[in-house]
Amino acid sequence: MKLTPNIIMKQKVCQKFNLIWIKNG
């Protein structure tokens, strides 16, 4: 399995959303 740029971008976006969730929570 090789990571495509899209997957990496999605992971970064998910991390950002998680941080926002934690701050709002």
PDB file of N, CA and C in Angstrom:
ATOM      1  N   MET A   1       0.840  -1.210   0.000  1.00  0.00           N
ATOM      2  CA  MET A   1       0.000   0.000   0.000  1.00  0.00           C
ATOM      3  C   MET A   1       0.865   1.246   0.000  1.00  0.00           C
ATOM      4  N   LYS A   2       0.638   2.127  -0.951  1.00  0.00           N
ATOM      5  CA  LYS A   2       1.386   3.391  -0.980  1.00  0.00           C
ATOM      6  C   LYS A   2       0.430   4.546  -0.701  1.00  0.00           C
ATOM      7  N   LEU A   3       0.894   5.489   0.090  1.00  0.00           N
ATOM      8  CA  LEU A   3       0.049   6.630   0.433  1.00  0.00           C
ATOM      9  C   LEU A   3       0.030   7.636  -0.708  1.00  0.00           C
ATOM     10  N   THR A   4      -1.159   7.992  -1.139  1.00  0.00           N
ATOM     11  CA  THR A   4      -1.287   8.997  -2.194  1.00  0.00           C
ATOM     12  C   THR A   4      -1.433  10.363  -1.536  1.00  0.00           C
ATOM     13  N   PRO A   5      -1.052  11.425  -2.232  1.00  0.00           N
ATOM     14  CA  PRO A   5      -1.160  12.780  -1.662  1.00  0.00           C
ATOM     15  C   PRO A   5      -2.567  13.055  -1.139  1.00  0.00           C
ATOM     16  N   ASN A   6      -3.590  12.521  -1.823  1.00  0.00           N
ATOM     17  CA  ASN A   6      -4.967  12.769  -1.378  1.00  0.00           C
ATOM     18  C   ASN A   6      -5.189  12.217   0.019  1.00  0.00           C
ATOM     19  N   ILE A   7      -4.690  11.004   0.263  1.00  0.00           N
ATOM     20  CA  ILE A   7      -4.872  10.395   1.587  1.00  0.00           C
ATOM     21  C   ILE A   7      -4.164  11.231   2.650  1.00  0.00           C
ATOM     22  N   ILE A   8      -2.956  11.689   2.323  1.00  0.00           N
ATOM     23  CA  ILE A   8      -2.194  12.493   3.284  1.00  0.00           C
ATOM     24  C   ILE A   8      -2.950  13.790   3.576  1.00  0.00           C
ATOM     25  N   MET A   9      -3.484  14.417   2.529  1.00  0.00           N
ATOM     26  CA  MET A   9      -4.234  15.659   2.720  1.00  0.00           C
ATOM     27  C   MET A   9      -5.442  15.403   3.608  1.00  0.00           C
ATOM     28  N   LYS A  10      -6.152  14.296   3.335  1.00  0.00           N
ATOM     29  CA  LYS A  10      -7.339  13.984   4.131  1.00  0.00           C
ATOM     30  C   LYS A  10      -6.961  13.788   5.590  1.00  0.00           C
ATOM     31  N   GLN A  11      -5.831  13.107   5.839  1.00  0.00           N
ATOM     32  CA  GLN A  11      -5.396  12.889   7.216  1.00  0.00           C
ATOM     33  C   GLN A  11      -5.126  14.223   7.906  1.00  0.00           C
ATOM     34  N   LYS A  12      -4.485  15.149   7.182  1.00  0.00           N
ATOM     35  CA  LYS A  12      -4.187  16.460   7.780  1.00  0.00           C
ATOM     36  C   LYS A  12      -5.480  17.201   8.078  1.00  0.00           C
ATOM     37  N   VAL A  13      -6.439  17.118   7.158  1.00  0.00           N
ATOM     38  CA  VAL A  13      -7.729  17.787   7.371  1.00  0.00           C
ATOM     39  C   VAL A  13      -8.430  17.186   8.583  1.00  0.00           C
ATOM     40  N   CYS A  14      -8.366  15.857   8.692  1.00  0.00           N
ATOM     41  CA  CYS A  14      -9.005  15.185   9.842  1.00  0.00           C
ATOM     42  C   CYS A  14      -8.375  15.669  11.139  1.00  0.00           C
ATOM     43  N   GLN A  15      -7.049  15.810  11.143  1.00  0.00           N
ATOM     44  CA  GLN A  15      -6.373  16.277  12.352  1.00  0.00           C
ATOM     45  C   GLN A  15      -6.850  17.676  12.715  1.00  0.00           C
ATOM     46  N   LYS A  16      -7.008  18.541  11.707  1.00  0.00           N
ATOM     47  CA  LYS A  16      -7.462  19.910  11.981  1.00  0.00           C
ATOM     48  C   LYS A  16      -8.863  19.878  12.581  1.00  0.00           C
ATOM     49  N   PHE A  17      -9.738  19.039  11.994  1.00  0.00           N
ATOM     50  CA  PHE A  17     -11.104  18.956  12.508  1.00  0.00           C
ATOM     51  C   PHE A  17     -11.102  18.454  13.942  1.00  0.00           C
ATOM     52  N   ASN A  18     -10.248  17.476  14.244  1.00  0.00           N
ATOM     53  CA  ASN A  18     -10.166  16.938  15.604  1.00  0.00           C
ATOM     54  C   ASN A  18      -9.747  18.036  16.575  1.00  0.00           C
ATOM     55  N   LEU A  19      -8.782  18.870  16.177  1.00  0.00           N
ATOM     56  CA  LEU A  19      -8.332  19.946  17.070  1.00  0.00           C
ATOM     57  C   LEU A  19      -9.462  20.925  17.316  1.00  0.00           C
ATOM     58  N   ILE A  20     -10.216  21.251  16.252  1.00  0.00           N
ATOM     59  CA  ILE A  20     -11.341  22.182  16.400  1.00  0.00           C
ATOM     60  C   ILE A  20     -12.384  21.576  17.338  1.00  0.00           C
ATOM     61  N   TRP A  21     -12.642  20.268  17.151  1.00  0.00           N
ATOM     62  CA  TRP A  21     -13.627  19.583  18.003  1.00  0.00           C
ATOM     63  C   TRP A  21     -13.217  19.683  19.457  1.00  0.00           C
ATOM     64  N   ILE A  22     -11.945  19.409  19.731  1.00  0.00           N
ATOM     65  CA  ILE A  22     -11.454  19.437  21.119  1.00  0.00           C
ATOM     66  C   ILE A  22     -11.605  20.843  21.701  1.00  0.00           C
ATOM     67  N   LYS A  23     -11.269  21.857  20.906  1.00  0.00           N
ATOM     68  CA  LYS A  23     -11.355  23.236  21.409  1.00  0.00           C
ATOM     69  C   LYS A  23     -12.815  23.593  21.689  1.00  0.00           C
ATOM     70  N   ASN A  24     -13.718  23.238  20.766  1.00  0.00           N
ATOM     71  CA  ASN A  24     -15.134  23.569  20.936  1.00  0.00           C
ATOM     72  C   ASN A  24     -15.755  22.741  22.051  1.00  0.00           C
ATOM     73  N   GLY A  25     -15.257  21.498  22.211  1.00  0.00           N
ATOM     74  CA  GLY A  25     -15.818  20.610  23.232  1.00  0.00           C
ATOM     75  C   GLY A  25     -15.434  21.103  24.609  1.00  0.00           C
TER      76      GLY A  25
END
